[in-house]
Amino acid sequence: MRYLVQFLVPALIVVTVVYLLTRTKRGQDEAGDGNGTDTGLFILILVVGAAVAILSFVLLQNVLG
């Protein structure tokens, strides 16, 4: 159960941030402000960082556990 919580908390944070950014992006598109490259790049960096963090956690648990 502890491992499930340790996985879900970062995953929920990432999902929430991505949801908020896409909602904000949609609002900007409807308003006509188009600066999508910065937002897209930020989301990409965020997702890659989360994937690296989760993979390193899993690998460390397998090696040390």
N, C-alpha and C. Protein backbone atom coordinates (compact mmCIF):
# COMPACT_ATOMS: atom_id res chain seq x y z
N MET A 1 0.82 -1.20 0.00
CA MET A 1 0.00 0.00 0.00
C MET A 1 0.87 1.26 0.00
N ARG A 2 1.99 1.18 0.72
CA ARG A 2 2.87 2.33 0.80
C ARG A 2 3.42 2.69 -0.58
N TYR A 3 3.78 1.66 -1.36
CA TYR A 3 4.32 1.91 -2.69
C TYR A 3 3.27 2.49 -3.62
N LEU A 4 2.04 2.06 -3.44
CA LEU A 4 0.96 2.61 -4.25
C LEU A 4 0.78 4.10 -3.98
N VAL A 5 0.82 4.49 -2.73
CA VAL A 5 0.69 5.90 -2.37
C VAL A 5 1.89 6.69 -2.87
N GLN A 6 3.08 6.11 -2.77
CA GLN A 6 4.28 6.80 -3.24
C GLN A 6 4.24 7.00 -4.75
N PHE A 7 3.56 6.13 -5.45
CA PHE A 7 3.43 6.29 -6.89
C PHE A 7 2.30 7.24 -7.25
N LEU A 8 1.19 7.16 -6.53
CA LEU A 8 0.01 7.94 -6.89
C LEU A 8 0.16 9.43 -6.61
N VAL A 9 0.84 9.80 -5.54
CA VAL A 9 0.96 11.22 -5.21
C VAL A 9 1.68 11.99 -6.33
N PRO A 10 2.87 11.57 -6.78
CA PRO A 10 3.49 12.31 -7.91
C PRO A 10 2.66 12.22 -9.18
N ALA A 11 2.04 11.07 -9.42
CA ALA A 11 1.22 10.93 -10.63
C ALA A 11 0.03 11.89 -10.60
N LEU A 12 -0.62 12.03 -9.46
CA LEU A 12 -1.74 12.96 -9.35
C LEU A 12 -1.29 14.41 -9.51
N ILE A 13 -0.11 14.74 -9.00
CA ILE A 13 0.42 16.09 -9.16
C ILE A 13 0.65 16.38 -10.64
N VAL A 14 1.25 15.43 -11.35
CA VAL A 14 1.52 15.62 -12.78
C VAL A 14 0.22 15.75 -13.55
N VAL A 15 -0.74 14.89 -13.26
CA VAL A 15 -2.02 14.94 -13.97
C VAL A 15 -2.73 16.27 -13.71
N THR A 16 -2.70 16.75 -12.48
CA THR A 16 -3.34 18.01 -12.14
C THR A 16 -2.68 19.19 -12.86
N VAL A 17 -1.36 19.21 -12.89
CA VAL A 17 -0.64 20.30 -13.56
C VAL A 17 -0.91 20.28 -15.06
N VAL A 18 -0.89 19.10 -15.66
CA VAL A 18 -1.16 19.00 -17.10
C VAL A 18 -2.59 19.45 -17.39
N TYR A 19 -3.55 19.04 -16.55
CA TYR A 19 -4.94 19.46 -16.74
C TYR A 19 -5.07 20.98 -16.66
N LEU A 20 -4.44 21.57 -15.65
CA LEU A 20 -4.55 23.02 -15.49
C LEU A 20 -3.88 23.75 -16.64
N LEU A 21 -2.75 23.25 -17.11
CA LEU A 21 -2.07 23.90 -18.23
C LEU A 21 -2.87 23.78 -19.52
N THR A 22 -3.47 22.62 -19.76
CA THR A 22 -4.26 22.48 -20.99
C THR A 22 -5.53 23.31 -20.92
N ARG A 23 -6.11 23.44 -19.73
CA ARG A 23 -7.30 24.28 -19.58
C ARG A 23 -6.94 25.74 -19.83
N THR A 24 -5.80 26.17 -19.31
CA THR A 24 -5.33 27.53 -19.53
C THR A 24 -5.01 27.75 -21.01
N LYS A 25 -4.40 26.74 -21.64
CA LYS A 25 -4.06 26.84 -23.06
C LYS A 25 -5.31 26.98 -23.91
N ARG A 26 -6.35 26.21 -23.58
CA ARG A 26 -7.60 26.32 -24.32
C ARG A 26 -8.20 27.71 -24.17
N GLY A 27 -8.10 28.29 -22.98
CA GLY A 27 -8.62 29.63 -22.74
C GLY A 27 -7.85 30.66 -23.55
N GLN A 28 -6.54 30.46 -23.68
CA GLN A 28 -5.73 31.39 -24.47
C GLN A 28 -6.06 31.26 -25.95
N ASP A 29 -6.30 30.02 -26.42
CA ASP A 29 -6.65 29.82 -27.82
C ASP A 29 -7.97 30.50 -28.16
N GLU A 30 -8.93 30.40 -27.26
CA GLU A 30 -10.22 31.03 -27.51
C GLU A 30 -10.11 32.55 -27.48
N ALA A 31 -9.19 33.07 -26.67
CA ALA A 31 -9.01 34.51 -26.58
C ALA A 31 -8.15 35.05 -27.72
N GLY A 32 -7.44 34.14 -28.40
CA GLY A 32 -6.61 34.58 -29.52
C GLY A 32 -5.16 34.76 -29.16
N ASP A 33 -4.78 34.55 -27.91
CA ASP A 33 -3.37 34.63 -27.52
C ASP A 33 -2.73 33.30 -27.85
N GLY A 34 -1.76 33.31 -28.72
CA GLY A 34 -1.14 32.04 -29.12
C GLY A 34 0.33 31.98 -28.76
N ASN A 35 0.63 31.40 -27.63
CA ASN A 35 2.03 31.18 -27.24
C ASN A 35 2.14 29.72 -26.80
N GLY A 36 1.77 28.80 -27.69
CA GLY A 36 1.67 27.39 -27.34
C GLY A 36 2.99 26.68 -27.25
N THR A 37 4.06 27.22 -27.85
CA THR A 37 5.32 26.50 -27.83
C THR A 37 5.90 26.46 -26.42
N ASP A 38 5.78 27.53 -25.66
CA ASP A 38 6.29 27.53 -24.30
C ASP A 38 5.53 26.56 -23.42
N THR A 39 4.22 26.55 -23.54
CA THR A 39 3.40 25.65 -22.74
C THR A 39 3.66 24.20 -23.14
N GLY A 40 3.73 23.93 -24.41
CA GLY A 40 3.99 22.57 -24.88
C GLY A 40 5.35 22.06 -24.42
N LEU A 41 6.34 22.92 -24.48
CA LEU A 41 7.68 22.54 -24.04
C LEU A 41 7.70 22.29 -22.54
N PHE A 42 7.00 23.11 -21.79
CA PHE A 42 6.93 22.92 -20.34
C PHE A 42 6.27 21.59 -19.99
N ILE A 43 5.18 21.27 -20.68
CA ILE A 43 4.49 20.01 -20.43
C ILE A 43 5.40 18.83 -20.78
N LEU A 44 6.12 18.93 -21.89
CA LEU A 44 7.04 17.86 -22.27
C LEU A 44 8.13 17.66 -21.23
N ILE A 45 8.73 18.74 -20.75
CA ILE A 45 9.76 18.65 -19.72
C ILE A 45 9.19 18.06 -18.44
N LEU A 46 7.98 18.46 -18.09
CA LEU A 46 7.33 17.96 -16.89
C LEU A 46 7.06 16.46 -16.98
N VAL A 47 6.58 16.00 -18.11
CA VAL A 47 6.27 14.59 -18.29
C VAL A 47 7.55 13.75 -18.30
N VAL A 48 8.58 14.23 -18.98
CA VAL A 48 9.85 13.50 -19.01
C VAL A 48 10.46 13.43 -17.60
N GLY A 49 10.41 14.52 -16.87
CA GLY A 49 10.94 14.52 -15.51
C GLY A 49 10.18 13.57 -14.60
N ALA A 50 8.86 13.54 -14.74
CA ALA A 50 8.05 12.61 -13.93
C ALA A 50 8.37 11.17 -14.29
N ALA A 51 8.54 10.89 -15.57
CA ALA A 51 8.86 9.52 -15.99
C ALA A 51 10.22 9.09 -15.45
N VAL A 52 11.20 9.98 -15.50
CA VAL A 52 12.52 9.66 -14.96
C VAL A 52 12.45 9.43 -13.46
N ALA A 53 11.68 10.24 -12.75
CA ALA A 53 11.55 10.07 -11.30
C ALA A 53 10.89 8.74 -10.96
N ILE A 54 9.86 8.38 -11.68
CA ILE A 54 9.16 7.12 -11.40
C ILE A 54 10.05 5.94 -11.75
N LEU A 55 10.73 5.99 -12.89
CA LEU A 55 11.62 4.89 -13.27
C LEU A 55 12.78 4.74 -12.30
N SER A 56 13.34 5.84 -11.85
CA SER A 56 14.45 5.74 -10.90
C SER A 56 13.96 5.18 -9.57
N PHE A 57 12.75 5.54 -9.16
CA PHE A 57 12.18 4.99 -7.93
C PHE A 57 12.01 3.47 -8.06
N VAL A 58 11.45 3.03 -9.17
CA VAL A 58 11.22 1.60 -9.38
C VAL A 58 12.56 0.86 -9.42
N LEU A 59 13.53 1.38 -10.15
CA LEU A 59 14.82 0.73 -10.24
C LEU A 59 15.52 0.66 -8.88
N LEU A 60 15.45 1.73 -8.12
CA LEU A 60 16.07 1.72 -6.79
C LEU A 60 15.38 0.72 -5.86
N GLN A 61 14.08 0.59 -5.97
CA GLN A 61 13.37 -0.38 -5.13
C GLN A 61 13.75 -1.80 -5.50
N ASN A 62 13.98 -2.06 -6.80
CA ASN A 62 14.37 -3.40 -7.24
C ASN A 62 15.80 -3.73 -6.84
N VAL A 63 16.69 -2.75 -6.90
CA VAL A 63 18.09 -2.98 -6.56
C VAL A 63 18.28 -3.08 -5.06
N LEU A 64 17.66 -2.18 -4.31
CA LEU A 64 17.86 -2.14 -2.87
C LEU A 64 16.92 -3.08 -2.12
N GLY A 65 15.81 -3.44 -2.72
CA GLY A 65 14.80 -4.24 -2.02
C GLY A 65 14.93 -5.66 -2.26
